[in-house]
Amino acid sequence: MGRNFTANAPNALWLADITEHRTMKGKLYVCLIKDVFSNRIVGYSIDSRMKLRIAVDALNNAVARRCDIAGCMLHNDRRSQFRSRKRARTLADHSVA
């Protein structure tokens, strides 16, 4: 990718990240997936624990909302949640690179 974070069409490039928020009842983790073209959040997942499921759920949420995403490229950091085999299978199932 060469760190070129631009897209010429919807569902061409997505960015994913997990952020932590402190609340009065403990930590809350949010995984967001953003479409670079529209600059909108296309999928998300919220959980009290940062497990691999949060990344898989956010991806499934984005796929359900956007439907036709074959060929989409998803960029994220190297956290373990983004490197799991289950997430890799989910990406392959939806033809996301």
PDB file of N, CA and C in Angstrom:
ATOM      1  N   MET A   1       0.806  -1.193   0.000  1.00  0.00           N
ATOM      2  CA  MET A   1       0.000   0.000   0.000  1.00  0.00           C
ATOM      3  C   MET A   1       0.855   1.266   0.000  1.00  0.00           C
ATOM      4  N   GLY A   2       2.047   1.207   0.574  1.00  0.00           N
ATOM      5  CA  GLY A   2       2.899   2.376   0.602  1.00  0.00           C
ATOM      6  C   GLY A   2       2.329   3.521   1.422  1.00  0.00           C
ATOM      7  N   ARG A   3       1.476   3.220   2.372  1.00  0.00           N
ATOM      8  CA  ARG A   3       0.840   4.226   3.235  1.00  0.00           C
ATOM      9  C   ARG A   3       0.060   5.281   2.452  1.00  0.00           C
ATOM     10  N   ASN A   4      -0.488   4.888   1.326  1.00  0.00           N
ATOM     11  CA  ASN A   4      -1.342   5.751   0.531  1.00  0.00           C
ATOM     12  C   ASN A   4      -2.777   5.504   0.965  1.00  0.00           C
ATOM     13  N   PHE A   5      -3.275   6.324   1.866  1.00  0.00           N
ATOM     14  CA  PHE A   5      -4.595   6.110   2.428  1.00  0.00           C
ATOM     15  C   PHE A   5      -5.629   6.958   1.701  1.00  0.00           C
ATOM     16  N   THR A   6      -5.798   6.673   0.421  1.00  0.00           N
ATOM     17  CA  THR A   6      -6.837   7.313  -0.377  1.00  0.00           C
ATOM     18  C   THR A   6      -7.579   6.225  -1.133  1.00  0.00           C
ATOM     19  N   ALA A   7      -8.806   6.508  -1.489  1.00  0.00           N
ATOM     20  CA  ALA A   7      -9.616   5.545  -2.245  1.00  0.00           C
ATOM     21  C   ALA A   7     -10.428   6.298  -3.290  1.00  0.00           C
ATOM     22  N   ASN A   8     -10.617   5.671  -4.436  1.00  0.00           N
ATOM     23  CA  ASN A   8     -11.366   6.280  -5.541  1.00  0.00           C
ATOM     24  C   ASN A   8     -12.821   5.837  -5.597  1.00  0.00           C
ATOM     25  N   ALA A   9     -13.189   4.897  -4.726  1.00  0.00           N
ATOM     26  CA  ALA A   9     -14.559   4.382  -4.735  1.00  0.00           C
ATOM     27  C   ALA A   9     -14.890   3.822  -3.347  1.00  0.00           C
ATOM     28  N   PRO A  10     -16.175   3.707  -3.041  1.00  0.00           N
ATOM     29  CA  PRO A  10     -16.557   3.081  -1.773  1.00  0.00           C
ATOM     30  C   PRO A  10     -16.087   1.634  -1.724  1.00  0.00           C
ATOM     31  N   ASN A  11     -15.804   1.161  -0.552  1.00  0.00           N
ATOM     32  CA  ASN A  11     -15.407  -0.228  -0.300  1.00  0.00           C
ATOM     33  C   ASN A  11     -14.123  -0.637  -1.012  1.00  0.00           C
ATOM     34  N   ALA A  12     -13.282   0.312  -1.343  1.00  0.00           N
ATOM     35  CA  ALA A  12     -11.983  -0.002  -1.936  1.00  0.00           C
ATOM     36  C   ALA A  12     -10.922  -0.155  -0.850  1.00  0.00           C
ATOM     37  N   LEU A  13     -10.981   0.703   0.173  1.00  0.00           N
ATOM     38  CA  LEU A  13     -10.010   0.679   1.261  1.00  0.00           C
ATOM     39  C   LEU A  13     -10.697   0.984   2.575  1.00  0.00           C
ATOM     40  N   TRP A  14     -10.532   0.085   3.527  1.00  0.00           N
ATOM     41  CA  TRP A  14     -11.036   0.281   4.875  1.00  0.00           C
ATOM     42  C   TRP A  14      -9.863   0.317   5.838  1.00  0.00           C
ATOM     43  N   LEU A  15     -10.019   1.067   6.927  1.00  0.00           N
ATOM     44  CA  LEU A  15      -9.049   1.112   8.013  1.00  0.00           C
ATOM     45  C   LEU A  15      -9.719   0.578   9.272  1.00  0.00           C
ATOM     46  N   ALA A  16      -8.979  -0.188  10.078  1.00  0.00           N
ATOM     47  CA  ALA A  16      -9.534  -0.745  11.314  1.00  0.00           C
ATOM     48  C   ALA A  16      -8.613  -0.425  12.483  1.00  0.00           C
ATOM     49  N   ASP A  17      -9.205  -0.181  13.644  1.00  0.00           N
ATOM     50  CA  ASP A  17      -8.426   0.064  14.847  1.00  0.00           C
ATOM     51  C   ASP A  17      -9.288  -0.254  16.066  1.00  0.00           C
ATOM     52  N   ILE A  18      -8.605  -0.519  17.172  1.00  0.00           N
ATOM     53  CA  ILE A  18      -9.270  -0.760  18.449  1.00  0.00           C
ATOM     54  C   ILE A  18      -8.835   0.332  19.408  1.00  0.00           C
ATOM     55  N   THR A  19      -9.784   0.903  20.109  1.00  0.00           N
ATOM     56  CA  THR A  19      -9.475   1.934  21.091  1.00  0.00           C
ATOM     57  C   THR A  19     -10.060   1.542  22.445  1.00  0.00           C
ATOM     58  N   GLU A  20      -9.440   2.022  23.493  1.00  0.00           N
ATOM     59  CA  GLU A  20      -9.853   1.711  24.863  1.00  0.00           C
ATOM     60  C   GLU A  20     -10.414   2.974  25.506  1.00  0.00           C
ATOM     61  N   HIS A  21     -11.546   2.815  26.180  1.00  0.00           N
ATOM     62  CA  HIS A  21     -12.157   3.925  26.905  1.00  0.00           C
ATOM     63  C   HIS A  21     -12.364   3.507  28.354  1.00  0.00           C
ATOM     64  N   ARG A  22     -11.977   4.358  29.254  1.00  0.00           N
ATOM     65  CA  ARG A  22     -12.211   4.091  30.679  1.00  0.00           C
ATOM     66  C   ARG A  22     -13.587   4.628  31.058  1.00  0.00           C
ATOM     67  N   THR A  23     -14.336   3.812  31.777  1.00  0.00           N
ATOM     68  CA  THR A  23     -15.651   4.223  32.269  1.00  0.00           C
ATOM     69  C   THR A  23     -15.659   4.057  33.778  1.00  0.00           C
ATOM     70  N   MET A  24     -16.718   4.465  34.410  1.00  0.00           N
ATOM     71  CA  MET A  24     -16.812   4.320  35.864  1.00  0.00           C
ATOM     72  C   MET A  24     -16.911   2.851  36.264  1.00  0.00           C
ATOM     73  N   LYS A  25     -17.298   1.993  35.337  1.00  0.00           N
ATOM     74  CA  LYS A  25     -17.445   0.565  35.634  1.00  0.00           C
ATOM     75  C   LYS A  25     -16.306  -0.270  35.064  1.00  0.00           C
ATOM     76  N   GLY A  26     -15.264   0.366  34.552  1.00  0.00           N
ATOM     77  CA  GLY A  26     -14.137  -0.367  33.996  1.00  0.00           C
ATOM     78  C   GLY A  26     -13.848   0.056  32.572  1.00  0.00           C
ATOM     79  N   LYS A  27     -13.042  -0.737  31.900  1.00  0.00           N
ATOM     80  CA  LYS A  27     -12.637  -0.413  30.538  1.00  0.00           C
ATOM     81  C   LYS A  27     -13.675  -0.903  29.531  1.00  0.00           C
ATOM     82  N   LEU A  28     -13.755  -0.193  28.425  1.00  0.00           N
ATOM     83  CA  LEU A  28     -14.625  -0.544  27.314  1.00  0.00           C
ATOM     84  C   LEU A  28     -13.788  -0.437  26.048  1.00  0.00           C
ATOM     85  N   TYR A  29     -13.844  -1.457  25.202  1.00  0.00           N
ATOM     86  CA  TYR A  29     -13.059  -1.487  23.975  1.00  0.00           C
ATOM     87  C   TYR A  29     -13.988  -1.369  22.775  1.00  0.00           C
ATOM     88  N   VAL A  30     -13.561  -0.568  21.804  1.00  0.00           N
ATOM     89  CA  VAL A  30     -14.339  -0.347  20.593  1.00  0.00           C
ATOM     90  C   VAL A  30     -13.444  -0.621  19.395  1.00  0.00           C
ATOM     91  N   CYS A  31     -13.893  -1.496  18.508  1.00  0.00           N
ATOM     92  CA  CYS A  31     -13.199  -1.752  17.255  1.00  0.00           C
ATOM     93  C   CYS A  31     -14.022  -1.107  16.147  1.00  0.00           C
ATOM     94  N   LEU A  32     -13.387  -0.216  15.400  1.00  0.00           N
ATOM     95  CA  LEU A  32     -14.063   0.513  14.339  1.00  0.00           C
ATOM     96  C   LEU A  32     -13.450   0.177  12.992  1.00  0.00           C
ATOM     97  N   ILE A  33     -14.291   0.141  11.968  1.00  0.00           N
ATOM     98  CA  ILE A  33     -13.826  -0.006  10.586  1.00  0.00           C
ATOM     99  C   ILE A  33     -14.372   1.181   9.811  1.00  0.00           C
ATOM    100  N   LYS A  34     -13.456   1.903   9.173  1.00  0.00           N
ATOM    101  CA  LYS A  34     -13.801   3.135   8.460  1.00  0.00           C
ATOM    102  C   LYS A  34     -13.523   2.984   6.973  1.00  0.00           C
ATOM    103  N   ASP A  35     -14.466   3.426   6.150  1.00  0.00           N
ATOM    104  CA  ASP A  35     -14.280   3.462   4.708  1.00  0.00           C
ATOM    105  C   ASP A  35     -13.528   4.753   4.375  1.00  0.00           C
ATOM    106  N   VAL A  36     -12.369   4.627   3.755  1.00  0.00           N
ATOM    107  CA  VAL A  36     -11.535   5.791   3.457  1.00  0.00           C
ATOM    108  C   VAL A  36     -12.220   6.722   2.454  1.00  0.00           C
ATOM    109  N   PHE A  37     -12.932   6.178   1.497  1.00  0.00           N
ATOM    110  CA  PHE A  37     -13.586   6.994   0.465  1.00  0.00           C
ATOM    111  C   PHE A  37     -14.627   7.937   1.064  1.00  0.00           C
ATOM    112  N   SER A  38     -15.529   7.406   1.865  1.00  0.00           N
ATOM    113  CA  SER A  38     -16.613   8.213   2.424  1.00  0.00           C
ATOM    114  C   SER A  38     -16.257   8.819   3.783  1.00  0.00           C
ATOM    115  N   ASN A  39     -15.164   8.334   4.381  1.00  0.00           N
ATOM    116  CA  ASN A  39     -14.742   8.778   5.709  1.00  0.00           C
ATOM    117  C   ASN A  39     -15.797   8.464   6.776  1.00  0.00           C
ATOM    118  N   ARG A  40     -16.546   7.383   6.549  1.00  0.00           N
ATOM    119  CA  ARG A  40     -17.601   6.969   7.484  1.00  0.00           C
ATOM    120  C   ARG A  40     -17.246   5.652   8.147  1.00  0.00           C
ATOM    121  N   ILE A  41     -17.766   5.465   9.346  1.00  0.00           N
ATOM    122  CA  ILE A  41     -17.623   4.190  10.042  1.00  0.00           C
ATOM    123  C   ILE A  41     -18.610   3.221   9.408  1.00  0.00           C
ATOM    124  N   VAL A  42     -18.095   2.090   8.902  1.00  0.00           N
ATOM    125  CA  VAL A  42     -18.955   1.123   8.224  1.00  0.00           C
ATOM    126  C   VAL A  42     -19.206  -0.118   9.080  1.00  0.00           C
ATOM    127  N   GLY A  43     -18.437  -0.280  10.137  1.00  0.00           N
ATOM    128  CA  GLY A  43     -18.631  -1.420  11.023  1.00  0.00           C
ATOM    129  C   GLY A  43     -17.983  -1.155  12.375  1.00  0.00           C
ATOM    130  N   TYR A  44     -18.544  -1.776  13.407  1.00  0.00           N
ATOM    131  CA  TYR A  44     -17.978  -1.593  14.733  1.00  0.00           C
ATOM    132  C   TYR A  44     -18.360  -2.749  15.633  1.00  0.00           C
ATOM    133  N   SER A  45     -17.648  -2.847  16.739  1.00  0.00           N
ATOM    134  CA  SER A  45     -17.957  -3.821  17.780  1.00  0.00           C
ATOM    135  C   SER A  45     -17.495  -3.237  19.107  1.00  0.00           C
ATOM    136  N   ILE A  46     -18.262  -3.471  20.152  1.00  0.00           N
ATOM    137  CA  ILE A  46     -17.951  -2.958  21.487  1.00  0.00           C
ATOM    138  C   ILE A  46     -17.948  -4.120  22.463  1.00  0.00           C
ATOM    139  N   ASP A  47     -16.949  -4.156  23.351  1.00  0.00           N
ATOM    140  CA  ASP A  47     -16.864  -5.235  24.329  1.00  0.00           C
ATOM    141  C   ASP A  47     -16.095  -4.752  25.557  1.00  0.00           C
ATOM    142  N   SER A  48     -16.284  -5.436  26.652  1.00  0.00           N
ATOM    143  CA  SER A  48     -15.563  -5.095  27.884  1.00  0.00           C
ATOM    144  C   SER A  48     -14.192  -5.774  27.936  1.00  0.00           C
ATOM    145  N   ARG A  49     -13.926  -6.660  26.981  1.00  0.00           N
ATOM    146  CA  ARG A  49     -12.625  -7.341  26.906  1.00  0.00           C
ATOM    147  C   ARG A  49     -12.084  -7.235  25.488  1.00  0.00           C
ATOM    148  N   MET A  50     -10.770  -7.093  25.381  1.00  0.00           N
ATOM    149  CA  MET A  50     -10.161  -6.966  24.063  1.00  0.00           C
ATOM    150  C   MET A  50      -9.687  -8.337  23.596  1.00  0.00           C
ATOM    151  N   LYS A  51     -10.611  -9.107  23.095  1.00  0.00           N
ATOM    152  CA  LYS A  51     -10.327 -10.436  22.557  1.00  0.00           C
ATOM    153  C   LYS A  51     -10.425 -10.382  21.043  1.00  0.00           C
ATOM    154  N   LEU A  52     -10.020 -11.461  20.378  1.00  0.00           N
ATOM    155  CA  LEU A  52     -10.064 -11.469  18.914  1.00  0.00           C
ATOM    156  C   LEU A  52     -11.486 -11.326  18.397  1.00  0.00           C
ATOM    157  N   ARG A  53     -12.447 -11.714  19.178  1.00  0.00           N
ATOM    158  CA  ARG A  53     -13.850 -11.651  18.741  1.00  0.00           C
ATOM    159  C   ARG A  53     -14.274 -10.229  18.376  1.00  0.00           C
ATOM    160  N   ILE A  54     -13.701  -9.237  19.041  1.00  0.00           N
ATOM    161  CA  ILE A  54     -14.092  -7.848  18.780  1.00  0.00           C
ATOM    162  C   ILE A  54     -13.745  -7.447  17.342  1.00  0.00           C
ATOM    163  N   ALA A  55     -12.612  -7.912  16.840  1.00  0.00           N
ATOM    164  CA  ALA A  55     -12.198  -7.604  15.466  1.00  0.00           C
ATOM    165  C   ALA A  55     -13.058  -8.363  14.453  1.00  0.00           C
ATOM    166  N   VAL A  56     -13.362  -9.613  14.737  1.00  0.00           N
ATOM    167  CA  VAL A  56     -14.200 -10.423  13.843  1.00  0.00           C
ATOM    168  C   VAL A  56     -15.622  -9.860  13.794  1.00  0.00           C
ATOM    169  N   ASP A  57     -16.161  -9.485  14.942  1.00  0.00           N
ATOM    170  CA  ASP A  57     -17.516  -8.933  14.984  1.00  0.00           C
ATOM    171  C   ASP A  57     -17.612  -7.604  14.233  1.00  0.00           C
ATOM    172  N   ALA A  58     -16.590  -6.758  14.359  1.00  0.00           N
ATOM    173  CA  ALA A  58     -16.590  -5.484  13.639  1.00  0.00           C
ATOM    174  C   ALA A  58     -16.562  -5.722  12.129  1.00  0.00           C
ATOM    175  N   LEU A  59     -15.752  -6.685  11.700  1.00  0.00           N
ATOM    176  CA  LEU A  59     -15.685  -7.014  10.276  1.00  0.00           C
ATOM    177  C   LEU A  59     -17.025  -7.554   9.779  1.00  0.00           C
ATOM    178  N   ASN A  60     -17.621  -8.472  10.518  1.00  0.00           N
ATOM    179  CA  ASN A  60     -18.928  -9.016  10.126  1.00  0.00           C
ATOM    180  C   ASN A  60     -19.997  -7.922  10.099  1.00  0.00           C
ATOM    181  N   ASN A  61     -19.917  -6.981  11.026  1.00  0.00           N
ATOM    182  CA  ASN A  61     -20.855  -5.867  11.057  1.00  0.00           C
ATOM    183  C   ASN A  61     -20.696  -4.999   9.807  1.00  0.00           C
ATOM    184  N   ALA A  62     -19.461  -4.726   9.406  1.00  0.00           N
ATOM    185  CA  ALA A  62     -19.206  -3.921   8.207  1.00  0.00           C
ATOM    186  C   ALA A  62     -19.703  -4.638   6.954  1.00  0.00           C
ATOM    187  N   VAL A  63     -19.457  -5.935   6.870  1.00  0.00           N
ATOM    188  CA  VAL A  63     -19.898  -6.714   5.714  1.00  0.00           C
ATOM    189  C   VAL A  63     -21.423  -6.708   5.622  1.00  0.00           C
ATOM    190  N   ALA A  64     -22.097  -6.858   6.744  1.00  0.00           N
ATOM    191  CA  ALA A  64     -23.567  -6.865   6.756  1.00  0.00           C
ATOM    192  C   ALA A  64     -24.135  -5.518   6.308  1.00  0.00           C
ATOM    193  N   ARG A  65     -23.442  -4.444   6.634  1.00  0.00           N
ATOM    194  CA  ARG A  65     -23.929  -3.112   6.286  1.00  0.00           C
ATOM    195  C   ARG A  65     -23.585  -2.715   4.857  1.00  0.00           C
ATOM    196  N   ARG A  66     -22.477  -3.215   4.306  1.00  0.00           N
ATOM    197  CA  ARG A  66     -22.011  -2.799   2.989  1.00  0.00           C
ATOM    198  C   ARG A  66     -22.225  -3.841   1.903  1.00  0.00           C
ATOM    199  N   CYS A  67     -22.442  -5.072   2.246  1.00  0.00           N
ATOM    200  CA  CYS A  67     -22.729  -6.174   1.311  1.00  0.00           C
ATOM    201  C   CYS A  67     -21.629  -6.441   0.285  1.00  0.00           C
ATOM    202  N   ASP A  68     -21.618  -5.751  -0.851  1.00  0.00           N
ATOM    203  CA  ASP A  68     -20.706  -6.056  -1.948  1.00  0.00           C
ATOM    204  C   ASP A  68     -19.326  -5.447  -1.686  1.00  0.00           C
ATOM    205  N   ILE A  69     -18.436  -6.242  -1.060  1.00  0.00           N
ATOM    206  CA  ILE A  69     -17.123  -5.710  -0.696  1.00  0.00           C
ATOM    207  C   ILE A  69     -15.982  -6.511  -1.305  1.00  0.00           C
ATOM    208  N   ALA A  70     -16.263  -7.399  -2.239  1.00  0.00           N
ATOM    209  CA  ALA A  70     -15.210  -8.216  -2.856  1.00  0.00           C
ATOM    210  C   ALA A  70     -14.123  -7.316  -3.418  1.00  0.00           C
ATOM    211  N   GLY A  71     -12.885  -7.599  -3.074  1.00  0.00           N
ATOM    212  CA  GLY A  71     -11.752  -6.819  -3.539  1.00  0.00           C
ATOM    213  C   GLY A  71     -11.371  -5.672  -2.627  1.00  0.00           C
ATOM    214  N   CYS A  72     -12.138  -5.447  -1.586  1.00  0.00           N
ATOM    215  CA  CYS A  72     -11.828  -4.385  -0.631  1.00  0.00           C
ATOM    216  C   CYS A  72     -10.506  -4.710   0.086  1.00  0.00           C
ATOM    217  N   MET A  73      -9.720  -3.684   0.358  1.00  0.00           N
ATOM    218  CA  MET A  73      -8.484  -3.863   1.109  1.00  0.00           C
ATOM    219  C   MET A  73      -8.696  -3.299   2.510  1.00  0.00           C
ATOM    220  N   LEU A  74      -8.298  -4.067   3.520  1.00  0.00           N
ATOM    221  CA  LEU A  74      -8.460  -3.649   4.910  1.00  0.00           C
ATOM    222  C   LEU A  74      -7.086  -3.463   5.528  1.00  0.00           C
ATOM    223  N   HIS A  75      -6.823  -2.261   6.015  1.00  0.00           N
ATOM    224  CA  HIS A  75      -5.538  -1.958   6.651  1.00  0.00           C
ATOM    225  C   HIS A  75      -5.754  -1.798   8.152  1.00  0.00           C
ATOM    226  N   ASN A  76      -4.869  -2.402   8.941  1.00  0.00           N
ATOM    227  CA  ASN A  76      -4.920  -2.273  10.387  1.00  0.00           C
ATOM    228  C   ASN A  76      -3.513  -2.446  10.947  1.00  0.00           C
ATOM    229  N   ASP A  77      -3.368  -2.225  12.249  1.00  0.00           N
ATOM    230  CA  ASP A  77      -2.062  -2.415  12.861  1.00  0.00           C
ATOM    231  C   ASP A  77      -1.817  -3.905  13.106  1.00  0.00           C
ATOM    232  N   ARG A  78      -0.760  -4.235  13.807  1.00  0.00           N
ATOM    233  CA  ARG A  78      -0.358  -5.635  13.978  1.00  0.00           C
ATOM    234  C   ARG A  78      -0.807  -6.227  15.312  1.00  0.00           C
ATOM    235  N   ARG A  79      -1.849  -5.722  15.914  1.00  0.00           N
ATOM    236  CA  ARG A  79      -2.359  -6.313  17.154  1.00  0.00           C
ATOM    237  C   ARG A  79      -2.741  -7.768  16.928  1.00  0.00           C
ATOM    238  N   SER A  80      -2.668  -8.535  17.991  1.00  0.00           N
ATOM    239  CA  SER A  80      -2.986  -9.962  17.874  1.00  0.00           C
ATOM    240  C   SER A  80      -4.423 -10.195  17.426  1.00  0.00           C
ATOM    241  N   GLN A  81      -5.334  -9.313  17.782  1.00  0.00           N
ATOM    242  CA  GLN A  81      -6.734  -9.473  17.377  1.00  0.00           C
ATOM    243  C   GLN A  81      -6.876  -9.412  15.853  1.00  0.00           C
ATOM    244  N   PHE A  82      -5.987  -8.685  15.192  1.00  0.00           N
ATOM    245  CA  PHE A  82      -6.055  -8.549  13.752  1.00  0.00           C
ATOM    246  C   PHE A  82      -5.245  -9.613  13.018  1.00  0.00           C
ATOM    247  N   ARG A  83      -4.496 -10.435  13.758  1.00  0.00           N
ATOM    248  CA  ARG A  83      -3.652 -11.451  13.122  1.00  0.00           C
ATOM    249  C   ARG A  83      -4.150 -12.876  13.356  1.00  0.00           C
ATOM    250  N   SER A  84      -5.302 -13.042  13.958  1.00  0.00           N
ATOM    251  CA  SER A  84      -5.801 -14.374  14.283  1.00  0.00           C
ATOM    252  C   SER A  84      -6.225 -15.147  13.033  1.00  0.00           C
ATOM    253  N   ARG A  85      -6.181 -16.467  13.132  1.00  0.00           N
ATOM    254  CA  ARG A  85      -6.606 -17.313  12.015  1.00  0.00           C
ATOM    255  C   ARG A  85      -8.090 -17.157  11.718  1.00  0.00           C
ATOM    256  N   LYS A  86      -8.875 -17.000  12.771  1.00  0.00           N
ATOM    257  CA  LYS A  86     -10.325 -16.848  12.588  1.00  0.00           C
ATOM    258  C   LYS A  86     -10.631 -15.571  11.795  1.00  0.00           C
ATOM    259  N   ARG A  87      -9.928 -14.509  12.101  1.00  0.00           N
ATOM    260  CA  ARG A  87     -10.141 -13.260  11.360  1.00  0.00           C
ATOM    261  C   ARG A  87      -9.658 -13.400   9.920  1.00  0.00           C
ATOM    262  N   ALA A  88      -8.544 -14.089   9.726  1.00  0.00           N
ATOM    263  CA  ALA A  88      -8.031 -14.321   8.369  1.00  0.00           C
ATOM    264  C   ALA A  88      -9.042 -15.113   7.543  1.00  0.00           C
ATOM    265  N   ARG A  89      -9.688 -16.109   8.169  1.00  0.00           N
ATOM    266  CA  ARG A  89     -10.723 -16.879   7.472  1.00  0.00           C
ATOM    267  C   ARG A  89     -11.917 -15.989   7.122  1.00  0.00           C
ATOM    268  N   THR A  90     -12.305 -15.117   8.056  1.00  0.00           N
ATOM    269  CA  THR A  90     -13.431 -14.218   7.810  1.00  0.00           C
ATOM    270  C   THR A  90     -13.113 -13.281   6.649  1.00  0.00           C
ATOM    271  N   LEU A  91     -11.891 -12.768   6.604  1.00  0.00           N
ATOM    272  CA  LEU A  91     -11.474 -11.909   5.490  1.00  0.00           C
ATOM    273  C   LEU A  91     -11.555 -12.666   4.171  1.00  0.00           C
ATOM    274  N   ALA A  92     -11.030 -13.888   4.152  1.00  0.00           N
ATOM    275  CA  ALA A  92     -11.040 -14.699   2.941  1.00  0.00           C
ATOM    276  C   ALA A  92     -12.462 -15.043   2.510  1.00  0.00           C
ATOM    277  N   ASP A  93     -13.336 -15.338   3.476  1.00  0.00           N
ATOM    278  CA  ASP A  93     -14.725 -15.674   3.160  1.00  0.00           C
ATOM    279  C   ASP A  93     -15.438 -14.539   2.428  1.00  0.00           C
ATOM    280  N   HIS A  94     -15.028 -13.300   2.723  1.00  0.00           N
ATOM    281  CA  HIS A  94     -15.671 -12.134   2.118  1.00  0.00           C
ATOM    282  C   HIS A  94     -14.832 -11.495   1.020  1.00  0.00           C
ATOM    283  N   SER A  95     -13.763 -12.172   0.598  1.00  0.00           N
ATOM    284  CA  SER A  95     -12.860 -11.690  -0.478  1.00  0.00           C
ATOM    285  C   SER A  95     -12.261 -10.324  -0.166  1.00  0.00           C
ATOM    286  N   VAL A  96     -11.873 -10.132   1.080  1.00  0.00           N
ATOM    287  CA  VAL A  96     -11.231  -8.883   1.513  1.00  0.00           C
ATOM    288  C   VAL A  96      -9.736  -9.161   1.662  1.00  0.00           C
ATOM    289  N   ALA A  97      -8.935  -8.257   1.148  1.00  0.00           N
ATOM    290  CA  ALA A  97      -7.472  -8.417   1.234  1.00  0.00           C
ATOM    291  C   ALA A  97      -6.931  -7.763   2.478  1.00  0.00           C
TER     292      ALA A  97
END
